[in-house]
PDB file of N, CA and C in Angstrom:
ATOM      1  N   MET A   1       0.842  -1.179   0.000  1.00  0.00           N
ATOM      2  CA  MET A   1       0.000   0.000   0.000  1.00  0.00           C
ATOM      3  C   MET A   1       0.887   1.241   0.000  1.00  0.00           C
ATOM      4  N   SER A   2       0.362   2.292  -0.580  1.00  0.00           N
ATOM      5  CA  SER A   2       1.139   3.523  -0.677  1.00  0.00           C
ATOM      6  C   SER A   2       1.499   4.092   0.695  1.00  0.00           C
ATOM      7  N   GLY A   3       0.723   3.775   1.724  1.00  0.00           N
ATOM      8  CA  GLY A   3       1.020   4.264   3.063  1.00  0.00           C
ATOM      9  C   GLY A   3       2.287   3.680   3.667  1.00  0.00           C
ATOM     10  N   ASP A   4       2.877   2.676   3.019  1.00  0.00           N
ATOM     11  CA  ASP A   4       4.136   2.104   3.493  1.00  0.00           C
ATOM     12  C   ASP A   4       5.313   3.036   3.241  1.00  0.00           C
ATOM     13  N   TRP A   5       5.131   4.027   2.367  1.00  0.00           N
ATOM     14  CA  TRP A   5       6.198   4.967   2.023  1.00  0.00           C
ATOM     15  C   TRP A   5       5.730   6.392   2.256  1.00  0.00           C
ATOM     16  N   THR A   6       6.602   7.215   2.789  1.00  0.00           N
ATOM     17  CA  THR A   6       6.254   8.619   3.025  1.00  0.00           C
ATOM     18  C   THR A   6       6.269   9.426   1.737  1.00  0.00           C
ATOM     19  N   SER A   7       6.792   8.879   0.657  1.00  0.00           N
ATOM     20  CA  SER A   7       6.848   9.606  -0.608  1.00  0.00           C
ATOM     21  C   SER A   7       5.500   9.656  -1.321  1.00  0.00           C
ATOM     22  N   PHE A   8       4.488   8.986  -0.781  1.00  0.00           N
ATOM     23  CA  PHE A   8       3.132   9.072  -1.319  1.00  0.00           C
ATOM     24  C   PHE A   8       2.303  10.022  -0.466  1.00  0.00           C
ATOM     25  N   GLU A   9       1.527  10.856  -1.117  1.00  0.00           N
ATOM     26  CA  GLU A   9       0.664  11.801  -0.405  1.00  0.00           C
ATOM     27  C   GLU A   9      -0.563  11.110   0.182  1.00  0.00           C
ATOM     28  N   HIS A  10      -1.079  10.119  -0.528  1.00  0.00           N
ATOM     29  CA  HIS A  10      -2.287   9.413  -0.099  1.00  0.00           C
ATOM     30  C   HIS A  10      -1.929   7.981   0.285  1.00  0.00           C
ATOM     31  N   PRO A  11      -2.383   7.497   1.438  1.00  0.00           N
ATOM     32  CA  PRO A  11      -1.919   6.208   1.959  1.00  0.00           C
ATOM     33  C   PRO A  11      -2.673   4.967   1.486  1.00  0.00           C
ATOM     34  N   ASP A  12      -3.736   5.106   0.727  1.00  0.00           N
ATOM     35  CA  ASP A  12      -4.586   3.951   0.454  1.00  0.00           C
ATOM     36  C   ASP A  12      -4.593   3.472  -0.990  1.00  0.00           C
ATOM     37  N   TYR A  13      -3.484   3.617  -1.703  1.00  0.00           N
ATOM     38  CA  TYR A  13      -3.390   3.131  -3.078  1.00  0.00           C
ATOM     39  C   TYR A  13      -2.595   1.838  -3.114  1.00  0.00           C
ATOM     40  N   TRP A  14      -2.995   0.934  -4.015  1.00  0.00           N
ATOM     41  CA  TRP A  14      -2.178  -0.244  -4.269  1.00  0.00           C
ATOM     42  C   TRP A  14      -0.969   0.188  -5.085  1.00  0.00           C
ATOM     43  N   VAL A  15       0.177  -0.363  -4.774  1.00  0.00           N
ATOM     44  CA  VAL A  15       1.421  -0.016  -5.463  1.00  0.00           C
ATOM     45  C   VAL A  15       2.065  -1.299  -5.964  1.00  0.00           C
ATOM     46  N   THR A  16       2.469  -1.300  -7.233  1.00  0.00           N
ATOM     47  CA  THR A  16       3.226  -2.408  -7.794  1.00  0.00           C
ATOM     48  C   THR A  16       4.621  -1.892  -8.101  1.00  0.00           C
ATOM     49  N   VAL A  17       5.626  -2.581  -7.618  1.00  0.00           N
ATOM     50  CA  VAL A  17       7.006  -2.156  -7.806  1.00  0.00           C
ATOM     51  C   VAL A  17       7.675  -3.089  -8.801  1.00  0.00           C
ATOM     52  N   ALA A  18       8.283  -2.515  -9.844  1.00  0.00           N
ATOM     53  CA  ALA A  18       9.013  -3.307 -10.834  1.00  0.00           C
ATOM     54  C   ALA A  18      10.410  -3.596 -10.298  1.00  0.00           C
ATOM     55  N   GLY A  19      10.846  -4.832 -10.437  1.00  0.00           N
ATOM     56  CA  GLY A  19      12.187  -5.183  -9.999  1.00  0.00           C
ATOM     57  C   GLY A  19      13.231  -4.474 -10.844  1.00  0.00           C
ATOM     58  N   GLY A  20      14.192  -3.903 -10.221  1.00  0.00           N
ATOM     59  CA  GLY A  20      15.247  -3.198 -10.929  1.00  0.00           C
ATOM     60  C   GLY A  20      15.400  -1.794 -10.409  1.00  0.00           C
ATOM     61  N   ARG A  21      16.496  -1.183 -10.773  1.00  0.00           N
ATOM     62  CA  ARG A  21      16.766   0.199 -10.367  1.00  0.00           C
ATOM     63  C   ARG A  21      17.001   1.036 -11.607  1.00  0.00           C
ATOM     64  N   PHE A  22      16.691   2.304 -11.477  1.00  0.00           N
ATOM     65  CA  PHE A  22      16.871   3.234 -12.583  1.00  0.00           C
ATOM     66  C   PHE A  22      17.701   4.411 -12.082  1.00  0.00           C
ATOM     67  N   GLY A  23      18.546   4.930 -12.930  1.00  0.00           N
ATOM     68  CA  GLY A  23      19.422   6.030 -12.554  1.00  0.00           C
ATOM     69  C   GLY A  23      18.699   7.353 -12.367  1.00  0.00           C
ATOM     70  N   ASN A  24      17.541   7.491 -13.029  1.00  0.00           N
ATOM     71  CA  ASN A  24      16.768   8.724 -12.904  1.00  0.00           C
ATOM     72  C   ASN A  24      15.331   8.455 -13.357  1.00  0.00           C
ATOM     73  N   ALA A  25      14.495   9.455 -13.165  1.00  0.00           N
ATOM     74  CA  ALA A  25      13.071   9.311 -13.481  1.00  0.00           C
ATOM     75  C   ALA A  25      12.836   9.063 -14.967  1.00  0.00           C
ATOM     76  N   ASP A  26      13.623   9.701 -15.830  1.00  0.00           N
ATOM     77  CA  ASP A  26      13.434   9.508 -17.269  1.00  0.00           C
ATOM     78  C   ASP A  26      13.694   8.063 -17.680  1.00  0.00           C
ATOM     79  N   GLU A  27      14.698   7.422 -17.084  1.00  0.00           N
ATOM     80  CA  GLU A  27      14.966   6.015 -17.384  1.00  0.00           C
ATOM     81  C   GLU A  27      13.789   5.145 -16.956  1.00  0.00           C
ATOM     82  N   ALA A  28      13.242   5.415 -15.789  1.00  0.00           N
ATOM     83  CA  ALA A  28      12.093   4.646 -15.310  1.00  0.00           C
ATOM     84  C   ALA A  28      10.903   4.829 -16.239  1.00  0.00           C
ATOM     85  N   ASN A  29      10.662   6.055 -16.669  1.00  0.00           N
ATOM     86  CA  ASN A  29       9.538   6.308 -17.571  1.00  0.00           C
ATOM     87  C   ASN A  29       9.753   5.681 -18.943  1.00  0.00           C
ATOM     88  N   ARG A  30      10.990   5.618 -19.408  1.00  0.00           N
ATOM     89  CA  ARG A  30      11.272   4.929 -20.677  1.00  0.00           C
ATOM     90  C   ARG A  30      10.973   3.432 -20.537  1.00  0.00           C
ATOM     91  N   TRP A  31      11.266   2.867 -19.367  1.00  0.00           N
ATOM     92  CA  TRP A  31      10.941   1.460 -19.127  1.00  0.00           C
ATOM     93  C   TRP A  31       9.431   1.263 -19.223  1.00  0.00           C
ATOM     94  N   CYS A  32       8.658   2.155 -18.610  1.00  0.00           N
ATOM     95  CA  CYS A  32       7.194   2.073 -18.692  1.00  0.00           C
ATOM     96  C   CYS A  32       6.740   2.092 -20.148  1.00  0.00           C
ATOM     97  N   ASP A  33       7.313   2.995 -20.937  1.00  0.00           N
ATOM     98  CA  ASP A  33       6.972   3.093 -22.364  1.00  0.00           C
ATOM     99  C   ASP A  33       7.288   1.786 -23.083  1.00  0.00           C
ATOM    100  N   ALA A  34       8.479   1.245 -22.832  1.00  0.00           N
ATOM    101  CA  ALA A  34       8.916   0.026 -23.513  1.00  0.00           C
ATOM    102  C   ALA A  34       8.032  -1.169 -23.165  1.00  0.00           C
ATOM    103  N   GLN A  35       7.434  -1.154 -21.982  1.00  0.00           N
ATOM    104  CA  GLN A  35       6.548  -2.248 -21.573  1.00  0.00           C
ATOM    105  C   GLN A  35       5.136  -2.074 -22.112  1.00  0.00           C
ATOM    106  N   GLY A  36       4.841  -0.916 -22.680  1.00  0.00           N
ATOM    107  CA  GLY A  36       3.530  -0.667 -23.253  1.00  0.00           C
ATOM    108  C   GLY A  36       2.467  -0.232 -22.252  1.00  0.00           C
ATOM    109  N   PHE A  37       2.899   0.228 -21.079  1.00  0.00           N
ATOM    110  CA  PHE A  37       1.939   0.692 -20.079  1.00  0.00           C
ATOM    111  C   PHE A  37       1.361   2.046 -20.470  1.00  0.00           C
ATOM    112  N   ALA A  38       0.082   2.248 -20.170  1.00  0.00           N
ATOM    113  CA  ALA A  38      -0.544   3.559 -20.377  1.00  0.00           C
ATOM    114  C   ALA A  38       0.093   4.570 -19.419  1.00  0.00           C
ATOM    115  N   LYS A  39       0.075   5.843 -19.816  1.00  0.00           N
ATOM    116  CA  LYS A  39       0.780   6.861 -19.027  1.00  0.00           C
ATOM    117  C   LYS A  39       0.254   7.000 -17.603  1.00  0.00           C
ATOM    118  N   ASP A  40      -1.014   6.711 -17.376  1.00  0.00           N
ATOM    119  CA  ASP A  40      -1.563   6.825 -16.022  1.00  0.00           C
ATOM    120  C   ASP A  40      -1.365   5.546 -15.200  1.00  0.00           C
ATOM    121  N   ASP A  41      -0.852   4.487 -15.834  1.00  0.00           N
ATOM    122  CA  ASP A  41      -0.675   3.210 -15.146  1.00  0.00           C
ATOM    123  C   ASP A  41       0.767   2.922 -14.754  1.00  0.00           C
ATOM    124  N   CYS A  42       1.695   3.721 -15.206  1.00  0.00           N
ATOM    125  CA  CYS A  42       3.108   3.494 -14.897  1.00  0.00           C
ATOM    126  C   CYS A  42       3.853   4.810 -15.031  1.00  0.00           C
ATOM    127  N   TYR A  43       4.573   5.178 -14.000  1.00  0.00           N
ATOM    128  CA  TYR A  43       5.379   6.402 -14.042  1.00  0.00           C
ATOM    129  C   TYR A  43       6.430   6.337 -12.945  1.00  0.00           C
ATOM    130  N   ALA A  44       7.414   7.194 -13.070  1.00  0.00           N
ATOM    131  CA  ALA A  44       8.533   7.204 -12.131  1.00  0.00           C
ATOM    132  C   ALA A  44       8.085   7.716 -10.766  1.00  0.00           C
ATOM    133  N   LYS A  45       8.458   6.964  -9.734  1.00  0.00           N
ATOM    134  CA  LYS A  45       8.138   7.339  -8.363  1.00  0.00           C
ATOM    135  C   LYS A  45       9.286   6.908  -7.466  1.00  0.00           C
ATOM    136  N   ARG A  46       9.874   7.861  -6.753  1.00  0.00           N
ATOM    137  CA  ARG A  46      10.923   7.534  -5.794  1.00  0.00           C
ATOM    138  C   ARG A  46      10.247   7.040  -4.522  1.00  0.00           C
ATOM    139  N   LEU A  47      10.671   5.876  -4.048  1.00  0.00           N
ATOM    140  CA  LEU A  47      10.111   5.327  -2.812  1.00  0.00           C
ATOM    141  C   LEU A  47      10.994   5.729  -1.650  1.00  0.00           C
ATOM    142  N   ASP A  48      10.381   6.318  -0.635  1.00  0.00           N
ATOM    143  CA  ASP A  48      11.124   6.842   0.507  1.00  0.00           C
ATOM    144  C   ASP A  48      10.333   6.560   1.774  1.00  0.00           C
ATOM    145  N   THR A  49      11.020   6.354   2.861  1.00  0.00           N
ATOM    146  CA  THR A  49      10.340   6.112   4.131  1.00  0.00           C
ATOM    147  C   THR A  49      10.618   7.197   5.166  1.00  0.00           C
ATOM    148  N   THR A  50      11.369   8.229   4.776  1.00  0.00           N
ATOM    149  CA  THR A  50      11.706   9.268   5.754  1.00  0.00           C
ATOM    150  C   THR A  50      11.332  10.676   5.320  1.00  0.00           C
ATOM    151  N   GLY A  51      11.192  10.924   4.027  1.00  0.00           N
ATOM    152  CA  GLY A  51      10.892  12.273   3.537  1.00  0.00           C
ATOM    153  C   GLY A  51       9.411  12.433   3.242  1.00  0.00           C
ATOM    154  N   GLY A  52       9.091  13.538   2.603  1.00  0.00           N
ATOM    155  CA  GLY A  52       7.711  13.809   2.221  1.00  0.00           C
ATOM    156  C   GLY A  52       7.435  13.418   0.788  1.00  0.00           C
ATOM    157  N   SER A  53       6.276  13.807   0.298  1.00  0.00           N
ATOM    158  CA  SER A  53       5.866  13.415  -1.050  1.00  0.00           C
ATOM    159  C   SER A  53       6.350  14.373  -2.139  1.00  0.00           C
ATOM    160  N   ASP A  54       6.719  15.583  -1.788  1.00  0.00           N
ATOM    161  CA  ASP A  54       7.121  16.570  -2.796  1.00  0.00           C
ATOM    162  C   ASP A  54       8.367  16.144  -3.565  1.00  0.00           C
ATOM    163  N   GLY A  55       8.287  16.253  -4.895  1.00  0.00           N
ATOM    164  CA  GLY A  55       9.448  15.998  -5.751  1.00  0.00           C
ATOM    165  C   GLY A  55       9.782  14.539  -5.991  1.00  0.00           C
ATOM    166  N   ASN A  56       8.902  13.614  -5.631  1.00  0.00           N
ATOM    167  CA  ASN A  56       9.204  12.189  -5.782  1.00  0.00           C
ATOM    168  C   ASN A  56       8.465  11.504  -6.915  1.00  0.00           C
ATOM    169  N   THR A  57       7.744  12.276  -7.720  1.00  0.00           N
ATOM    170  CA  THR A  57       6.967  11.702  -8.823  1.00  0.00           C
ATOM    171  C   THR A  57       7.283  12.440 -10.112  1.00  0.00           C
ATOM    172  N   LYS A  58       7.446  11.682 -11.204  1.00  0.00           N
ATOM    173  CA  LYS A  58       7.565  12.279 -12.526  1.00  0.00           C
ATOM    174  C   LYS A  58       6.651  11.500 -13.459  1.00  0.00           C
ATOM    175  N   VAL A  59       5.528  12.124 -13.809  1.00  0.00           N
ATOM    176  CA  VAL A  59       4.564  11.474 -14.695  1.00  0.00           C
ATOM    177  C   VAL A  59       5.076  11.534 -16.123  1.00  0.00           C
ATOM    178  N   ARG A  60       4.465  10.709 -16.979  1.00  0.00           N
ATOM    179  CA  ARG A  60       4.889  10.666 -18.385  1.00  0.00           C
ATOM    180  C   ARG A  60       4.041  11.579 -19.226  1.00  0.00           C
TER     181      ARG A  60
END
């Protein structure tokens, strides 16, 4: 659930994490594109447990 990470503003969303690491948000979003995901179904999100939600999302 999104509430497991402080980088999400809302705590009640299901979250699916793709195995692997990306050097930056653009690389993660290119992976989403290559997999054929719709723009609202896959986007770069930094997962954090200590900070806030600001600056941790880059939509496509």
